[in-house]
Amino acid sequence: PQALPDLNDGGSTNWIHKDPTNIDDVLFINALIDTLSLDYLIDTNRIYACGYSLGGEFTYELGCRLNNRISAIGVVARTMQTYTLNNCLPIHPTGVITILGTADGISDYNGVWWGGIQYYVSADQMHDYWVNYNNCDTLPVISSLPDLNTSDGSTVESYSWADTNGCIYVEHLKVIGGGHD
């Protein structure tokens, strides 16, 4: 699906319209799930959301606000908005996988601050939130992945947090030296 043009943002078709607005894209996705469930055989216990950059930002919104319908989320190149994290009220353990570059100049790995206000939390703060909510061991299993492209200037570390049953609920691929991709 494509978001509606946001008149408060130059007509962009980004999810989550800028205030003031009466458009709530989370309600649209909820209605979309209803419609697709009527037309297709869908396992409603296995609905996932994923997104890149601003789409990732919207994915966190879905993981928090539509948690009664979303089983797990995957996000590339975006940490959570501070507002979203502070108002996140999931109702069940929620699988999360992120792929974030440490040299991302658009979605800073260490969070985004402007004028003394934190607009986006750091990757560590975000992962701590989901690890604690999912009741996972706070110490991740860390491993280095093979460097398949030695000319791109990046390497990847995998972080996995599991619960007491060994189920992994939070995964993070830390792209050291990686940008907004």
C-alpha atoms as a PDB file:
ATOM      1  CA  PRO A   1       0.000   0.000   0.000  1.00  0.00           C
ATOM      2  CA  GLN A   2       0.992   3.608  -0.498  1.00  0.00           C
ATOM      3  CA  ALA A   3       0.365   6.378   2.017  1.00  0.00           C
ATOM      4  CA  LEU A   4      -1.819   9.331   1.084  1.00  0.00           C
ATOM      5  CA  PRO A   5      -0.099  12.602   0.144  1.00  0.00           C
ATOM      6  CA  ASP A   6       0.645  14.691   3.237  1.00  0.00           C
ATOM      7  CA  LEU A   7      -0.241  18.328   2.535  1.00  0.00           C
ATOM      8  CA  ASN A   8       1.721  19.353   5.664  1.00  0.00           C
ATOM      9  CA  ASP A   9       4.868  17.788   4.175  1.00  0.00           C
ATOM     10  CA  GLY A  10       4.902  19.058   0.596  1.00  0.00           C
ATOM     11  CA  GLY A  11       2.610  16.277  -0.647  1.00  0.00           C
ATOM     12  CA  SER A  12       5.033  13.496   0.360  1.00  0.00           C
ATOM     13  CA  THR A  13       3.599  10.002   0.552  1.00  0.00           C
ATOM     14  CA  ASN A  14       5.384   9.152   3.799  1.00  0.00           C
ATOM     15  CA  TRP A  15       3.555   7.203   6.462  1.00  0.00           C
ATOM     16  CA  ILE A  16       2.549   9.051   9.637  1.00  0.00           C
ATOM     17  CA  HIS A  17       1.339  12.456   8.497  1.00  0.00           C
ATOM     18  CA  LYS A  18       2.690  15.550  10.174  1.00  0.00           C
ATOM     19  CA  ASP A  19       0.441  17.389  12.632  1.00  0.00           C
ATOM     20  CA  PRO A  20      -2.109  18.831  12.352  1.00  0.00           C
ATOM     21  CA  THR A  21      -3.870  15.938  10.591  1.00  0.00           C
ATOM     22  CA  ASN A  22      -6.875  13.678  10.896  1.00  0.00           C
ATOM     23  CA  ILE A  23      -5.228  10.870   8.906  1.00  0.00           C
ATOM     24  CA  ASP A  24      -4.180   7.835  10.948  1.00  0.00           C
ATOM     25  CA  ASP A  25      -2.316   5.312   8.817  1.00  0.00           C
ATOM     26  CA  VAL A  26      -2.420   2.704  11.600  1.00  0.00           C
ATOM     27  CA  LEU A  27      -6.227   2.602  11.256  1.00  0.00           C
ATOM     28  CA  PHE A  28      -5.790   2.178   7.491  1.00  0.00           C
ATOM     29  CA  ILE A  29      -3.531  -0.866   7.983  1.00  0.00           C
ATOM     30  CA  ASN A  30      -6.013  -2.300  10.491  1.00  0.00           C
ATOM     31  CA  ALA A  31      -8.793  -1.969   7.884  1.00  0.00           C
ATOM     32  CA  LEU A  32      -6.504  -3.418   5.218  1.00  0.00           C
ATOM     33  CA  ILE A  33      -5.904  -6.509   7.375  1.00  0.00           C
ATOM     34  CA  ASP A  34      -9.679  -6.856   7.836  1.00  0.00           C
ATOM     35  CA  THR A  35     -10.280  -6.639   4.086  1.00  0.00           C
ATOM     36  CA  LEU A  36      -7.495  -9.054   3.148  1.00  0.00           C
ATOM     37  CA  SER A  37      -8.682 -11.516   5.807  1.00  0.00           C
ATOM     38  CA  LEU A  38     -12.115 -11.593   4.158  1.00  0.00           C
ATOM     39  CA  ASP A  39     -10.714 -12.191   0.664  1.00  0.00           C
ATOM     40  CA  TYR A  40      -7.809 -14.546   1.443  1.00  0.00           C
ATOM     41  CA  LEU A  41      -7.022 -17.358   3.850  1.00  0.00           C
ATOM     42  CA  ILE A  42      -4.742 -15.561   6.305  1.00  0.00           C
ATOM     43  CA  ASP A  43      -3.300 -16.905   9.539  1.00  0.00           C
ATOM     44  CA  THR A  44      -4.143 -13.881  11.662  1.00  0.00           C
ATOM     45  CA  ASN A  45      -1.684 -15.063  14.320  1.00  0.00           C
ATOM     46  CA  ARG A  46       1.170 -14.624  11.854  1.00  0.00           C
ATOM     47  CA  ILE A  47       0.913 -11.109  10.501  1.00  0.00           C
ATOM     48  CA  TYR A  48       4.244  -9.326  10.239  1.00  0.00           C
ATOM     49  CA  ALA A  49       5.274  -5.794   9.384  1.00  0.00           C
ATOM     50  CA  CYS A  50       8.558  -4.611   7.961  1.00  0.00           C
ATOM     51  CA  GLY A  51       9.919  -1.369   6.624  1.00  0.00           C
ATOM     52  CA  TYR A  52      12.939   0.605   5.551  1.00  0.00           C
ATOM     53  CA  SER A  53      13.785   4.098   6.817  1.00  0.00           C
ATOM     54  CA  LEU A  54      10.497   6.033   7.258  1.00  0.00           C
ATOM     55  CA  GLY A  55       8.708   2.761   6.517  1.00  0.00           C
ATOM     56  CA  GLY A  56      10.634   1.332   9.455  1.00  0.00           C
ATOM     57  CA  GLU A  57       9.430   4.200  11.594  1.00  0.00           C
ATOM     58  CA  PHE A  58       5.873   3.292  10.634  1.00  0.00           C
ATOM     59  CA  THR A  59       6.627  -0.367  11.355  1.00  0.00           C
ATOM     60  CA  TYR A  60       7.425   0.529  14.974  1.00  0.00           C
ATOM     61  CA  GLU A  61       4.077   2.338  15.151  1.00  0.00           C
ATOM     62  CA  LEU A  62       2.346  -0.824  13.949  1.00  0.00           C
ATOM     63  CA  GLY A  63       4.317  -2.983  16.384  1.00  0.00           C
ATOM     64  CA  CYS A  64       3.205  -0.744  19.244  1.00  0.00           C
ATOM     65  CA  ARG A  65      -0.259   0.518  18.330  1.00  0.00           C
ATOM     66  CA  LEU A  66      -1.547  -2.463  16.325  1.00  0.00           C
ATOM     67  CA  ASN A  67       0.153  -5.060  18.488  1.00  0.00           C
ATOM     68  CA  ASN A  68      -3.087  -7.033  18.892  1.00  0.00           C
ATOM     69  CA  ARG A  69      -2.711  -7.963  15.195  1.00  0.00           C
ATOM     70  CA  ILE A  70       1.022  -7.791  14.491  1.00  0.00           C
ATOM     71  CA  SER A  71       3.139 -10.772  15.580  1.00  0.00           C
ATOM     72  CA  ALA A  72       6.602  -9.457  14.801  1.00  0.00           C
ATOM     73  CA  ILE A  73       8.366  -6.563  13.111  1.00  0.00           C
ATOM     74  CA  GLY A  74      11.496  -6.050  11.044  1.00  0.00           C
ATOM     75  CA  VAL A  75      13.152  -2.690  10.478  1.00  0.00           C
ATOM     76  CA  VAL A  76      16.073  -1.554   8.331  1.00  0.00           C
ATOM     77  CA  ALA A  77      17.820   1.816   8.732  1.00  0.00           C
ATOM     78  CA  ARG A  78      15.680   3.411  11.469  1.00  0.00           C
ATOM     79  CA  THR A  79      15.492   3.543  15.248  1.00  0.00           C
ATOM     80  CA  MET A  80      12.283   4.376  17.123  1.00  0.00           C
ATOM     81  CA  GLN A  81      10.938   7.845  17.726  1.00  0.00           C
ATOM     82  CA  THR A  82      11.194   8.773  21.391  1.00  0.00           C
ATOM     83  CA  TYR A  83       7.450   9.472  21.423  1.00  0.00           C
ATOM     84  CA  THR A  84       6.668   6.028  19.987  1.00  0.00           C
ATOM     85  CA  LEU A  85       8.885   4.243  22.512  1.00  0.00           C
ATOM     86  CA  ASN A  86       7.431   6.216  25.426  1.00  0.00           C
ATOM     87  CA  ASN A  87       3.873   5.379  24.342  1.00  0.00           C
ATOM     88  CA  CYS A  88       4.395   1.790  23.202  1.00  0.00           C
ATOM     89  CA  LEU A  89       1.923  -0.596  24.850  1.00  0.00           C
ATOM     90  CA  PRO A  90       2.323  -4.066  23.314  1.00  0.00           C
ATOM     91  CA  ILE A  91       0.085  -6.836  24.624  1.00  0.00           C
ATOM     92  CA  HIS A  92       2.236  -9.879  23.797  1.00  0.00           C
ATOM     93  CA  PRO A  93       5.879 -10.783  23.291  1.00  0.00           C
ATOM     94  CA  THR A  94       6.769  -9.304  19.946  1.00  0.00           C
ATOM     95  CA  GLY A  95       9.592 -10.508  17.756  1.00  0.00           C
ATOM     96  CA  VAL A  96      11.851  -7.711  16.537  1.00  0.00           C
ATOM     97  CA  ILE A  97      14.684  -7.783  14.014  1.00  0.00           C
ATOM     98  CA  THR A  98      16.654  -4.698  13.064  1.00  0.00           C
ATOM     99  CA  ILE A  99      19.406  -4.007  10.553  1.00  0.00           C
ATOM    100  CA  LEU A 100      21.102  -0.727  11.417  1.00  0.00           C
ATOM    101  CA  GLY A 101      24.284   0.916  10.155  1.00  0.00           C
ATOM    102  CA  THR A 102      26.607   2.600  12.643  1.00  0.00           C
ATOM    103  CA  ALA A 103      27.533   5.262  10.062  1.00  0.00           C
ATOM    104  CA  ASP A 104      23.970   6.102   9.004  1.00  0.00           C
ATOM    105  CA  GLY A 105      23.874   9.862   8.464  1.00  0.00           C
ATOM    106  CA  ILE A 106      20.067   9.948   8.149  1.00  0.00           C
ATOM    107  CA  SER A 107      18.988   7.729  11.051  1.00  0.00           C
ATOM    108  CA  ASP A 108      21.802   8.038  13.571  1.00  0.00           C
ATOM    109  CA  TYR A 109      22.625   4.784  15.372  1.00  0.00           C
ATOM    110  CA  ASN A 110      23.093   6.760  18.602  1.00  0.00           C
ATOM    111  CA  GLY A 111      19.743   8.567  18.354  1.00  0.00           C
ATOM    112  CA  VAL A 112      18.791  12.004  17.118  1.00  0.00           C
ATOM    113  CA  TRP A 113      18.855  15.053  19.366  1.00  0.00           C
ATOM    114  CA  TRP A 114      17.938  18.578  18.296  1.00  0.00           C
ATOM    115  CA  GLY A 115      17.842  21.605  20.565  1.00  0.00           C
ATOM    116  CA  GLY A 116      18.193  19.419  23.654  1.00  0.00           C
ATOM    117  CA  ILE A 117      15.233  17.208  22.667  1.00  0.00           C
ATOM    118  CA  GLN A 118      15.693  13.549  21.798  1.00  0.00           C
ATOM    119  CA  TYR A 119      13.564  12.789  18.726  1.00  0.00           C
ATOM    120  CA  TYR A 120      14.866   9.270  18.045  1.00  0.00           C
ATOM    121  CA  VAL A 121      16.284   6.901  20.641  1.00  0.00           C
ATOM    122  CA  SER A 122      19.577   5.114  20.168  1.00  0.00           C
ATOM    123  CA  ALA A 123      19.746   1.555  18.897  1.00  0.00           C
ATOM    124  CA  ASP A 124      20.795   0.464  22.402  1.00  0.00           C
ATOM    125  CA  GLN A 125      17.822   2.194  24.067  1.00  0.00           C
ATOM    126  CA  MET A 126      15.427   0.704  21.532  1.00  0.00           C
ATOM    127  CA  HIS A 127      16.783  -2.820  21.867  1.00  0.00           C
ATOM    128  CA  ASP A 128      16.773  -2.530  25.667  1.00  0.00           C
ATOM    129  CA  TYR A 129      13.064  -1.639  25.519  1.00  0.00           C
ATOM    130  CA  TRP A 130      12.111  -4.692  23.433  1.00  0.00           C
ATOM    131  CA  VAL A 131      14.476  -7.028  25.307  1.00  0.00           C
ATOM    132  CA  ASN A 132      12.931  -6.012  28.638  1.00  0.00           C
ATOM    133  CA  TYR A 133       9.360  -6.090  27.347  1.00  0.00           C
ATOM    134  CA  ASN A 134       9.876  -9.572  25.867  1.00  0.00           C
ATOM    135  CA  ASN A 135      11.462 -10.747  29.116  1.00  0.00           C
ATOM    136  CA  CYS A 136      14.681 -11.781  27.366  1.00  0.00           C
ATOM    137  CA  ASP A 137      18.089 -12.292  28.889  1.00  0.00           C
ATOM    138  CA  THR A 138      19.679  -8.847  28.908  1.00  0.00           C
ATOM    139  CA  LEU A 139      23.018 -10.252  27.711  1.00  0.00           C
ATOM    140  CA  PRO A 140      22.890 -10.958  23.980  1.00  0.00           C
ATOM    141  CA  VAL A 141      24.694 -13.711  22.148  1.00  0.00           C
ATOM    142  CA  ILE A 142      27.070 -11.823  19.866  1.00  0.00           C
ATOM    143  CA  SER A 143      28.721 -13.240  16.786  1.00  0.00           C
ATOM    144  CA  SER A 144      30.574 -11.825  13.806  1.00  0.00           C
ATOM    145  CA  LEU A 145      29.207 -12.689  10.390  1.00  0.00           C
ATOM    146  CA  PRO A 146      31.528 -13.534   7.500  1.00  0.00           C
ATOM    147  CA  ASP A 147      32.754 -10.441   5.619  1.00  0.00           C
ATOM    148  CA  LEU A 148      31.563 -11.401   2.138  1.00  0.00           C
ATOM    149  CA  ASN A 149      32.379  -8.020   0.591  1.00  0.00           C
ATOM    150  CA  THR A 150      35.724  -6.795   1.910  1.00  0.00           C
ATOM    151  CA  SER A 151      35.623  -3.701  -0.335  1.00  0.00           C
ATOM    152  CA  ASP A 152      32.480  -2.075   1.124  1.00  0.00           C
ATOM    153  CA  GLY A 153      34.101  -0.893   4.359  1.00  0.00           C
ATOM    154  CA  SER A 154      31.603  -2.610   6.642  1.00  0.00           C
ATOM    155  CA  THR A 155      31.360  -5.705   8.793  1.00  0.00           C
ATOM    156  CA  VAL A 156      28.348  -7.185  10.560  1.00  0.00           C
ATOM    157  CA  GLU A 157      27.830  -8.325  14.129  1.00  0.00           C
ATOM    158  CA  SER A 158      24.747 -10.327  15.068  1.00  0.00           C
ATOM    159  CA  TYR A 159      23.087  -9.745  18.453  1.00  0.00           C
ATOM    160  CA  SER A 160      20.442 -12.214  19.673  1.00  0.00           C
ATOM    161  CA  TRP A 161      18.423 -11.900  22.867  1.00  0.00           C
ATOM    162  CA  ALA A 162      16.421 -14.943  23.964  1.00  0.00           C
ATOM    163  CA  ASP A 163      13.850 -15.619  26.662  1.00  0.00           C
ATOM    164  CA  THR A 164      14.193 -18.360  29.282  1.00  0.00           C
ATOM    165  CA  ASN A 165      12.785 -20.930  26.828  1.00  0.00           C
ATOM    166  CA  GLY A 166      15.509 -20.111  24.319  1.00  0.00           C
ATOM    167  CA  CYS A 167      13.123 -18.393  21.935  1.00  0.00           C
ATOM    168  CA  ILE A 168      14.813 -15.443  20.278  1.00  0.00           C
ATOM    169  CA  TYR A 169      12.562 -12.428  20.373  1.00  0.00           C
ATOM    170  CA  VAL A 170      15.035  -9.679  19.551  1.00  0.00           C
ATOM    171  CA  GLU A 171      17.658  -9.846  16.796  1.00  0.00           C
ATOM    172  CA  HIS A 172      19.961  -7.082  15.643  1.00  0.00           C
ATOM    173  CA  LEU A 173      22.349  -6.999  12.727  1.00  0.00           C
ATOM    174  CA  LYS A 174      24.787  -4.202  13.517  1.00  0.00           C
ATOM    175  CA  VAL A 175      26.407  -3.067  10.288  1.00  0.00           C
ATOM    176  CA  ILE A 176      29.631  -1.524  11.514  1.00  0.00           C
ATOM    177  CA  GLY A 177      30.520   1.231   9.063  1.00  0.00           C
ATOM    178  CA  GLY A 178      27.183   0.785   7.280  1.00  0.00           C
ATOM    179  CA  GLY A 179      25.089   3.706   6.078  1.00  0.00           C
ATOM    180  CA  HIS A 180      21.406   4.255   5.361  1.00  0.00           C
ATOM    181  CA  ASP A 181      20.981   1.011   3.484  1.00  0.00           C
END
